Every structure is written in C-alpha cells, then in structure tokens.
C-alpha cells in the first residue's frame, strides 16, 4: 500500500494540507477577536462562511470536474485556497477575513471532492488500500490543523493563514509536476442532479441527520475556545488531541464496530454518546479541565460517525454515488454553517453553557431522525470508484 507512484503522494500531501483548514482557525479565534475587537459570534463566521460556501460548492464540483478533468479541478481548488488564505492573513478587518475564508471554502470543495477519486485511479493495489491511504492523509490533516494553528498563532494570528498559503503553493507545484493529465471521462453531471436526489427518503433522512449532527460538531469547534480561556498554543494542543482521536477512530475503531454491529446501531450509538458529551460540557462550562477531556473524547465519537455514516449515505438512494455525495454534503454543511454563528450569539447573550445545551439537543434530534427513518434505508452495492467518491461526503466536514 505504501509503494505508490509520486503522483499519489503529491495528492495525498495536498489532502493533508486541505484538511488542516477545518481546525486551523480554532486556536486563533480569541486572538483574532482581541485584535479586531470582535465578538465571539463575529469571529465564528470564519467557520460559517467556510462551511456555507463549501456546501453550496459541492453541488457544482461534479459539474466542473466532469468538464475540465480531475487534475485541472484539483489545481483550480489549490489556487483558490492559496489566494484566499494569503488575503485573509493580510486583512485588517473581521469582515474581510470572513469573506476570504468563504473563498477558501470554495477552493476546498473543488479539491477534496476530486482528490480521493484521483488517488483511487492512480494508486497501486486495491481500492480499499487507496481509501485507507486517503483516510490516513485526512486524519493527519485534521489532527495537524489545530496544532499548526496554535504554533503559528502564538506568534501572530496571521501566521496560520500565511503558513497554509505557503504549504498549498508547494502542493500545487507537486501536483502540476507529478500528476499526469486527466482528461474528462464519463457522463457529465447536471447541476440539478444532486437536488433531485433529495427526493429519495433514505438519502434525505441521512442528510437531515448529518445536518443536526453538524450543529453539535461545529458548536464544539467554534465555541469551546472561549470558555477555555487559554492561549493559542494550548488550544492548538487540545484540539490536536481531538483530531488524533478522530483519526484513530475513523481508520481503526469505526470499521471494527461496523463489522460487529452494523451501520445503523453504530451511528445512532455514536450520536447518542456525542450528545451526552455535549451535555456534560453544558453542565461544566466553568470547569476548563472537564471541557478539555470532553473535547478530546468527542473526537472518538465524531471519527466513528464520520466513517460509518458514509456507507449509510451510499446505501440510501438509487442514484450515482457522486450525486448522492453532493446532495448529502449540501444539506449537512447547512448545520456547519449555522451552528458557529448561532452558538456565538447564545454564548454572548444567554449563557456560556447554552450553546452546548443546544448542540446536545440537535445531535439527539439527528439520532432520532435516523432511527425513525430507518425503514427508508436500503442496501445497494456501489462500484469501487463510486464508493471512493462518496467517501468524500462523510469526511469533508
């Protein structure tokens, strides 16, 4: 599995950097707020704009890549990320940073929606081995993002943005040099196909589950740094532990549980435990050690859910898997877009613990929707490439 062409390693390296973007800004939320004299809800828009644009852009990634090819789509996404990250680091207002973070979301959508299928097509060995390689890159990126953000953020809040721009420039050069040309193949995807797919009750059930689950997920990410009250480096190490737990659970724990219990019980169980974790955070918001433990432990529940719900998506609608992925991502990222801003408002105007109460309730509601809609879920065997493309839906957020 590890003896791969250089093209595979180039895309895998770029994938690590792309997935850093999810947690990169976590450690610098408070420094940005202090520097810009911004409120928690204003700073949380860095997540909202990123996730909102990424969700909408997922509807067009198939449309773009089916017309210009995988390599050009990857490179276009990387260029947009480089420009957006650099401009965000050079900005002098919170509104400008939020706007350029939205551009980052567009670039990330174009890149990550194409990266896995590119690795599968270029890698040696089985499709399963290629997916594990991609999962390893994903886990490393999610774990390293907060750590890089904390280290560079301890120097300046601008550091993480410029750091990503530099790393992505290296990834762009490697992709351009090492990845062979990939002309468009297969049928062209319509912009309306993902929206039509949501007519299928099974897919809609899983997508709504993910929407409410992402409310809790992004409240955890966007709100927790404020009651913790720690510096950028300390926050970075805490969320590095969270990302490490997420990576381990995604790659090793989730498949084992899936084989033993099946998809539905594992997803419902993981969501229930995550809701309880958020409930503890709501009760002990004034106790930073409890929050630290809950954040790290939450990584395991999120990792299990991210991996197992992917297969549930693939089984939930009789449509091509990339189309199902785009439809699912479009709905689920709505929770990731709304939650940070709403959580910040609750933190400011209600109480520090109120966002976590809402997050726990939303995750529990997501579990209930999945369980009550289980009769609409059906099993269909996807092709290898369709399965690879669909995995992006479970991992992108």
Protein backbone atom coordinates (compact mmCIF):
# COMPACT_ATOMS: atom_id res chain seq x y z
CA UNK A 1 0.00 0.00 0.00
CA UNK A 2 2.85 2.37 0.78
CA UNK A 3 4.72 1.78 -2.51
CA UNK A 4 2.79 4.30 -4.56
CA UNK A 5 3.60 6.50 -7.58
CA UNK A 6 4.79 10.01 -6.85
CA UNK A 7 1.50 11.39 -8.20
CA UNK A 8 -0.39 9.65 -5.39
CA UNK A 9 1.91 11.12 -2.74
CA UNK A 10 1.54 14.58 -4.26
CA UNK A 11 -2.27 14.45 -3.99
CA UNK A 12 -2.08 12.86 -0.53
CA UNK A 13 0.22 15.65 0.70
CA UNK A 14 -2.13 18.28 -0.69
CA UNK A 15 -5.03 16.46 1.01
CA UNK A 16 -3.29 16.73 4.38
CA UNK A 17 -2.96 20.50 3.96
CA UNK A 18 -6.53 20.86 2.69
CA UNK A 19 -7.98 19.07 5.70
CA UNK A 20 -5.89 21.23 8.03
CA UNK A 21 -8.27 24.04 7.15
CA UNK A 22 -11.12 22.54 9.22
CA UNK A 23 -9.48 23.10 12.60
CA UNK A 24 -6.72 25.54 11.71
CA UNK A 25 -8.55 28.66 12.91
CA UNK A 26 -9.69 27.15 16.22
CA UNK A 27 -6.64 28.25 18.26
CA UNK A 28 -6.67 31.79 16.81
CA UNK A 29 -10.36 32.63 17.33
CA UNK A 30 -9.68 34.51 20.56
CA UNK A 31 -6.53 36.30 19.26
CA UNK A 32 -8.46 37.45 16.18
CA UNK A 33 -11.35 38.63 18.38
CA UNK A 34 -8.96 40.58 20.60
CA UNK A 35 -7.02 42.07 17.68
CA UNK A 36 -10.14 43.06 15.72
CA UNK A 37 -12.26 43.97 18.76
CA UNK A 38 -14.78 41.40 17.52
CA UNK A 39 -17.38 39.37 19.42
CA UNK A 40 -17.43 35.53 19.54
CA UNK A 41 -20.33 35.42 17.09
CA UNK A 42 -18.45 37.64 14.62
CA UNK A 43 -15.32 35.51 14.81
CA UNK A 44 -17.34 32.32 14.48
CA UNK A 45 -18.33 33.49 10.99
CA UNK A 46 -14.92 32.19 9.90
CA UNK A 47 -16.49 28.75 10.21
CA UNK A 48 -19.89 29.82 8.89
CA UNK A 49 -18.68 31.37 5.64
CA UNK A 50 -16.26 28.49 5.03
CA UNK A 51 -18.87 25.76 5.54
CA UNK A 52 -21.72 27.57 3.77
CA UNK A 53 -19.75 28.12 0.59
CA UNK A 54 -18.29 24.60 0.72
CA UNK A 55 -21.78 23.13 1.00
CA UNK A 56 -23.15 25.04 -1.98
CA UNK A 57 -19.97 24.41 -3.98
CA UNK A 58 -20.36 20.65 -3.50
CA UNK A 59 -23.32 20.91 -5.90
CA UNK A 60 -21.03 22.12 -8.69
CA UNK A 61 -17.83 20.10 -8.14
CA UNK A 62 -19.07 17.19 -10.26
CA UNK A 63 -20.26 19.63 -12.93
CA UNK A 64 -16.77 21.19 -13.07
CA UNK A 65 -14.60 18.05 -12.87
CA UNK A 66 -16.69 16.21 -15.49
CA UNK A 67 -15.91 19.04 -17.91
CA UNK A 68 -12.29 20.06 -17.23
CA UNK A 69 -10.85 16.85 -15.74
CA UNK A 70 -9.57 15.90 -12.31
CA UNK A 71 -6.09 17.48 -12.49
CA UNK A 72 -7.37 20.90 -13.56
CA UNK A 73 -10.08 20.76 -10.89
CA UNK A 74 -7.51 19.93 -8.22
CA UNK A 75 -5.21 22.74 -9.34
CA UNK A 76 -8.07 25.24 -9.56
CA UNK A 77 -9.07 24.40 -5.99
CA UNK A 78 -5.48 24.77 -4.76
CA UNK A 79 -5.05 28.16 -6.45
CA UNK A 80 -8.25 29.46 -4.86
CA UNK A 81 -7.13 28.25 -1.41
CA UNK A 82 -3.68 29.85 -1.80
CA UNK A 83 -5.08 33.23 -2.81
CA UNK A 84 -7.84 33.19 -0.18
CA UNK A 85 -5.56 32.15 2.69
CA UNK A 86 -2.93 34.76 1.82
CA UNK A 87 -5.51 37.55 1.52
CA UNK A 88 -7.12 36.51 4.83
CA UNK A 89 -3.73 36.76 6.53
CA UNK A 90 -3.17 40.22 5.08
CA UNK A 91 -6.63 41.52 6.03
CA UNK A 92 -7.25 44.25 8.58
CA UNK A 93 -10.96 43.69 9.31
CA UNK A 94 -13.03 40.76 10.51
CA UNK A 95 -15.41 41.15 7.54
CA UNK A 96 -12.56 40.74 5.08
CA UNK A 97 -11.24 37.65 6.85
CA UNK A 98 -14.72 36.11 6.81
CA UNK A 99 -15.06 36.85 3.08
CA UNK A 100 -11.69 35.33 2.17
CA UNK A 101 -12.44 32.33 4.38
CA UNK A 102 -15.52 31.81 2.17
CA UNK A 103 -13.22 31.71 -0.86
CA UNK A 104 -11.14 29.13 0.97
CA UNK A 105 -14.27 27.00 1.32
CA UNK A 106 -14.86 27.14 -2.44
CA UNK A 107 -11.31 26.01 -3.17
CA UNK A 108 -11.51 23.27 -0.59
CA UNK A 109 -14.75 21.91 -2.07
CA UNK A 110 -13.22 21.70 -5.56
CA UNK A 111 -10.11 20.00 -4.21
CA UNK A 112 -11.42 17.45 -1.71
CA UNK A 113 -14.31 16.34 -3.92
CA UNK A 114 -11.77 15.31 -6.56
CA UNK A 115 -8.76 14.16 -4.52
CA UNK A 116 -9.95 10.71 -3.44
CA UNK A 117 -11.13 9.56 -6.85
CA UNK A 118 -7.77 10.75 -8.23
CA UNK A 119 -5.88 8.70 -5.65
CA UNK A 120 -8.01 5.63 -6.40
CA UNK A 121 -7.37 5.93 -10.14
CA UNK A 122 -3.60 6.48 -9.72
CA UNK A 123 -2.74 4.19 -6.79
CA UNK A 124 -1.27 0.69 -6.87
CA UNK A 125 -3.10 -2.08 -5.03
CA UNK A 126 -6.76 -2.39 -4.16
CA UNK A 127 -9.33 0.35 -3.86
CA UNK A 128 -9.59 -0.38 -0.12
CA UNK A 129 -5.86 0.29 0.30
CA UNK A 130 -6.17 3.57 -1.60
CA UNK A 131 -9.05 4.62 0.64
CA UNK A 132 -7.01 3.81 3.76
CA UNK A 133 -4.19 5.95 2.38
CA UNK A 134 -6.64 8.81 1.86
CA UNK A 135 -8.11 8.32 5.35
CA UNK A 136 -4.58 8.50 6.78
CA UNK A 137 -3.99 11.81 4.97
CA UNK A 138 -7.36 13.08 6.16
CA UNK A 139 -6.70 12.13 9.78
CA UNK A 140 -3.22 13.65 9.74
CA UNK A 141 -4.61 16.89 8.33
CA UNK A 142 -7.46 17.16 10.84
CA UNK A 143 -5.06 16.44 13.73
CA UNK A 144 -2.29 18.74 12.48
CA UNK A 145 -4.54 21.72 11.67
CA UNK A 146 -5.13 22.90 15.25
CA UNK A 147 -1.50 22.17 16.15
CA UNK A 148 -0.16 24.26 13.25
CA UNK A 149 -2.71 26.97 14.03
CA UNK A 150 -1.61 27.02 17.67
CA UNK A 151 2.13 27.10 16.93
CA UNK A 152 1.96 29.81 14.27
CA UNK A 153 -0.87 31.60 16.07
CA UNK A 154 1.28 32.01 19.16
CA UNK A 155 3.50 34.27 17.02
CA UNK A 156 0.68 36.10 15.24
CA UNK A 157 -2.90 35.29 14.33
CA UNK A 158 -1.87 35.94 10.72
CA UNK A 159 0.71 33.14 10.81
CA UNK A 160 -1.63 30.17 10.16
CA UNK A 161 -3.11 31.82 7.08
CA UNK A 162 0.26 32.56 5.53
CA UNK A 163 1.52 29.11 6.54
CA UNK A 164 -1.30 27.40 4.65
CA UNK A 165 -0.67 29.61 1.60
CA UNK A 166 2.99 28.52 1.53
CA UNK A 167 2.22 24.82 2.03
CA UNK A 168 -0.51 24.86 -0.59
CA UNK A 169 1.86 26.51 -3.07
CA UNK A 170 4.24 23.58 -2.58
CA UNK A 171 1.31 21.17 -3.03
CA UNK A 172 0.25 22.98 -6.23
CA UNK A 173 3.75 22.68 -7.70
CA UNK A 174 3.93 18.99 -6.78
CA UNK A 175 0.50 18.29 -8.27
CA UNK A 176 1.30 20.14 -11.51
CA UNK A 177 4.62 18.32 -11.91
CA UNK A 178 3.82 14.81 -10.70
CA UNK A 179 0.18 14.19 -11.61
CA UNK A 180 -0.38 13.14 -15.25
CA UNK A 181 -3.02 14.89 -17.32
CA UNK A 182 -6.50 13.59 -16.56
CA UNK A 183 -8.94 14.46 -19.36
CA UNK A 184 -12.68 14.45 -18.58
CA UNK A 185 -14.23 10.97 -18.56
CA UNK A 186 -17.71 9.56 -18.09
CA UNK A 187 -21.08 11.26 -18.24
CA UNK A 188 -21.35 14.95 -17.49
CA UNK A 189 -23.11 15.79 -14.24
CA UNK A 190 -26.02 18.23 -14.20
CA UNK A 191 -26.25 20.96 -11.58
CA UNK A 192 -29.78 19.82 -10.74
CA UNK A 193 -28.93 16.12 -10.23
CA UNK A 194 -27.98 16.41 -6.52
CA UNK A 195 -31.15 18.36 -5.69
CA UNK A 196 -33.30 15.78 -7.47
CA UNK A 197 -31.60 13.04 -5.45
CA UNK A 198 -33.03 14.51 -2.23
CA UNK A 199 -36.46 13.27 -3.32
CA UNK A 200 -35.36 9.84 -2.08
CA UNK A 201 -36.48 9.50 1.52
CA UNK A 202 -33.48 7.45 2.59
CA UNK A 203 -30.93 9.98 1.38
CA UNK A 204 -32.94 12.86 2.84
CA UNK A 205 -33.12 11.06 6.20
CA UNK A 206 -29.35 10.62 6.40
CA UNK A 207 -28.72 14.18 5.19
CA UNK A 208 -31.03 15.67 7.85
CA UNK A 209 -29.33 13.51 10.47
CA UNK A 210 -25.97 14.92 9.41
CA UNK A 211 -27.33 18.49 9.41
CA UNK A 212 -28.30 18.28 13.09
CA UNK A 213 -25.17 16.33 13.99
CA UNK A 214 -23.05 19.08 12.42
CA UNK A 215 -24.74 21.64 14.66
CA UNK A 216 -23.15 19.92 17.65
CA UNK A 217 -19.88 19.32 15.80
CA UNK A 218 -19.31 22.97 14.91
CA UNK A 219 -20.55 24.35 18.21
CA UNK A 220 -17.81 22.24 19.76
CA UNK A 221 -15.22 23.68 17.35
CA UNK A 222 -16.30 27.32 17.31
CA UNK A 223 -17.47 27.97 20.88
CA UNK A 224 -15.18 25.87 23.13
CA UNK A 225 -12.07 28.11 22.80
CA UNK A 226 -13.91 30.96 24.54
CA UNK A 227 -14.86 29.30 27.87
CA UNK A 228 -11.47 27.54 27.92
CA UNK A 229 -9.80 30.96 28.09
CA UNK A 230 -6.36 29.65 27.08
CA UNK A 231 -3.68 30.84 24.67
CA UNK A 232 -3.39 29.81 21.04
CA UNK A 233 -0.74 27.15 21.67
CA UNK A 234 -2.69 25.48 24.48
CA UNK A 235 -5.89 25.43 22.38
CA UNK A 236 -3.88 24.00 19.50
CA UNK A 237 -2.62 21.08 21.59
CA UNK A 238 -6.10 20.35 22.96
CA UNK A 239 -7.65 20.19 19.51
CA UNK A 240 -4.66 18.21 18.26
CA UNK A 241 -5.69 15.56 20.79
CA UNK A 242 -9.24 15.84 19.47
CA UNK A 243 -8.06 15.39 15.88
CA UNK A 244 -5.82 12.46 16.81
CA UNK A 245 -8.74 10.67 18.47
CA UNK A 246 -10.89 11.40 15.41
CA UNK A 247 -8.25 9.96 13.08
CA UNK A 248 -7.71 6.77 15.11
CA UNK A 249 -11.46 6.18 15.46
CA UNK A 250 -12.05 6.80 11.75
CA UNK A 251 -9.38 4.43 10.45
CA UNK A 252 -9.39 1.60 13.03
CA UNK A 253 -12.27 1.74 15.53
CA UNK A 254 -15.18 2.52 13.18
CA UNK A 255 -14.59 -0.39 10.75
CA UNK A 256 -14.38 -2.85 13.66
CA UNK A 257 -17.63 -1.62 15.19
CA UNK A 258 -19.27 -1.57 11.78
CA UNK A 259 -18.42 -5.22 11.15
CA UNK A 260 -19.70 -6.27 14.57
CA UNK A 261 -22.91 -4.23 14.94
CA UNK A 262 -23.83 -2.83 11.51
CA UNK A 263 -24.12 0.74 10.29
CA UNK A 264 -27.33 1.96 11.89
CA UNK A 265 -26.67 0.91 15.54
CA UNK A 266 -23.13 2.29 15.38
CA UNK A 267 -24.19 5.70 14.02
CA UNK A 268 -27.07 6.04 16.49
CA UNK A 269 -24.81 4.95 19.36
CA UNK A 270 -22.03 7.38 18.38
CA UNK A 271 -24.51 10.25 18.09
CA UNK A 272 -26.03 9.40 21.47
CA UNK A 273 -22.63 9.40 23.17
CA UNK A 274 -21.68 12.66 21.46
CA UNK A 275 -24.92 14.25 22.70
CA UNK A 276 -24.08 13.12 26.25
CA UNK A 277 -20.58 14.56 25.86
CA UNK A 278 -22.02 17.95 24.88
CA UNK A 279 -24.43 17.71 27.80
CA UNK A 280 -21.51 17.34 30.20
CA UNK A 281 -19.86 20.38 28.59
CA UNK A 282 -23.08 22.35 29.15
CA UNK A 283 -23.13 21.40 32.83
CA UNK A 284 -19.43 22.06 33.46
CA UNK A 285 -18.69 25.00 31.16
CA UNK A 286 -16.98 26.86 34.02
CA UNK A 287 -14.51 23.99 34.57
CA UNK A 288 -11.79 24.03 31.86
CA UNK A 289 -10.30 20.59 32.78
CA UNK A 290 -13.70 18.97 32.16
CA UNK A 291 -14.02 20.80 28.84
CA UNK A 292 -10.57 19.61 27.76
CA UNK A 293 -11.43 15.96 28.46
CA UNK A 294 -14.79 16.26 26.72
CA UNK A 295 -13.24 17.84 23.61
CA UNK A 296 -10.66 15.07 23.25
CA UNK A 297 -13.18 12.29 23.91
CA UNK A 298 -15.59 13.83 21.39
CA UNK A 299 -13.01 13.17 18.68
CA UNK A 300 -13.63 9.42 19.01
CA UNK A 301 -17.40 9.76 18.60
CA UNK A 302 -17.00 12.11 15.63
CA UNK A 303 -14.47 9.82 13.95
CA UNK A 304 -16.75 6.80 14.27
CA UNK A 305 -19.72 8.71 12.94
CA UNK A 306 -17.85 10.29 10.01
CA UNK A 307 -16.70 6.93 8.71
CA UNK A 308 -19.79 4.80 9.27
CA UNK A 309 -22.35 7.35 8.08
CA UNK A 310 -20.52 7.39 4.73
CA UNK A 311 -21.62 3.86 3.95
CA UNK A 312 -25.13 4.71 5.15
CA UNK A 313 -25.16 7.52 2.57
CA UNK A 314 -24.03 5.14 -0.17
CA UNK A 315 -26.85 2.74 0.68
CA UNK A 316 -29.60 5.33 0.99
CA UNK A 317 -30.55 6.30 -2.60
CA UNK A 318 -30.67 4.58 -6.01
CA UNK A 319 -28.64 7.33 -7.69
CA UNK A 320 -24.96 7.52 -8.72
CA UNK A 321 -22.79 7.77 -5.63
CA UNK A 322 -21.12 11.09 -6.54
CA UNK A 323 -24.59 12.62 -6.97
CA UNK A 324 -25.69 11.26 -3.58
CA UNK A 325 -22.48 12.63 -2.04
CA UNK A 326 -23.08 16.11 -3.42
CA UNK A 327 -26.70 16.16 -2.22
CA UNK A 328 -25.73 14.91 1.23
CA UNK A 329 -22.89 17.40 1.60
CA UNK A 330 -25.09 20.30 0.50
CA UNK A 331 -27.60 19.59 3.29
CA UNK A 332 -25.15 18.59 6.04
CA UNK A 333 -22.95 21.66 5.68
CA UNK A 334 -26.00 23.77 6.47
CA UNK A 335 -25.56 22.68 10.08
CA UNK A 336 -21.87 23.53 9.94
CA UNK A 337 -22.68 26.97 8.57
CA UNK A 338 -25.45 27.97 11.01
CA UNK A 339 -24.08 26.47 14.23
CA UNK A 340 -20.93 28.61 14.80
CA UNK A 341 -22.78 31.92 14.43
CA UNK A 342 -25.79 30.76 16.47
CA UNK A 343 -23.51 29.29 19.12
CA UNK A 344 -21.61 32.56 19.41
CA UNK A 345 -24.84 34.52 19.83
CA UNK A 346 -26.04 32.13 22.54
CA UNK A 347 -22.69 32.39 24.31
CA UNK A 348 -22.85 36.19 24.28
CA UNK A 349 -26.49 36.80 25.11
CA UNK A 350 -27.81 33.75 27.02
CA UNK A 351 -25.07 31.91 28.95
CA UNK A 352 -21.70 30.23 28.30
CA UNK A 353 -23.30 26.80 28.62
CA UNK A 354 -26.31 27.43 26.39
CA UNK A 355 -24.60 26.62 23.04
CA UNK A 356 -23.69 23.17 24.35
CA UNK A 357 -27.28 22.55 25.51
CA UNK A 358 -28.50 23.39 22.01
CA UNK A 359 -25.75 21.27 20.44
CA UNK A 360 -26.67 18.25 22.59
CA UNK A 361 -30.35 18.62 21.69
CA UNK A 362 -29.55 18.93 17.96
CA UNK A 363 -27.37 15.82 17.93
CA UNK A 364 -30.02 13.84 19.83
CA UNK A 365 -32.60 15.01 17.28
CA UNK A 366 -30.34 13.83 14.47
CA UNK A 367 -30.10 10.37 16.05
CA UNK A 368 -33.89 10.26 16.44
CA UNK A 369 -34.44 11.22 12.78
CA UNK A 370 -32.12 8.43 11.63
CA UNK A 371 -33.77 5.84 13.84
CA UNK A 372 -37.34 6.76 12.91
CA UNK A 373 -36.44 6.86 9.21
CA UNK A 374 -34.56 3.57 9.20
CA UNK A 375 -37.24 1.85 7.09
CA UNK A 376 -36.29 4.10 4.15
CA UNK A 377 -32.66 2.95 4.17
CA UNK A 378 -31.83 0.24 1.69
CA UNK A 379 -28.71 -1.65 0.74
CA UNK A 380 -27.14 -1.41 -2.68
CA UNK A 381 -23.64 -2.43 -3.62
CA UNK A 382 -21.69 0.53 -5.05
CA UNK A 383 -18.88 0.26 -7.55
CA UNK A 384 -15.36 0.86 -6.30
CA UNK A 385 -14.99 4.29 -7.88
CA UNK A 386 -18.46 5.39 -6.83
CA UNK A 387 -17.71 4.26 -3.29
CA UNK A 388 -14.44 6.18 -3.27
CA UNK A 389 -16.08 9.37 -4.48
CA UNK A 390 -18.88 9.05 -1.94
CA UNK A 391 -16.48 8.70 0.97
CA UNK A 392 -15.65 12.37 0.50
CA UNK A 393 -19.17 13.18 1.68
CA UNK A 394 -18.58 11.53 5.01
CA UNK A 395 -15.14 13.03 5.56
CA UNK A 396 -15.24 16.55 4.17
CA UNK A 397 -16.87 18.20 7.17
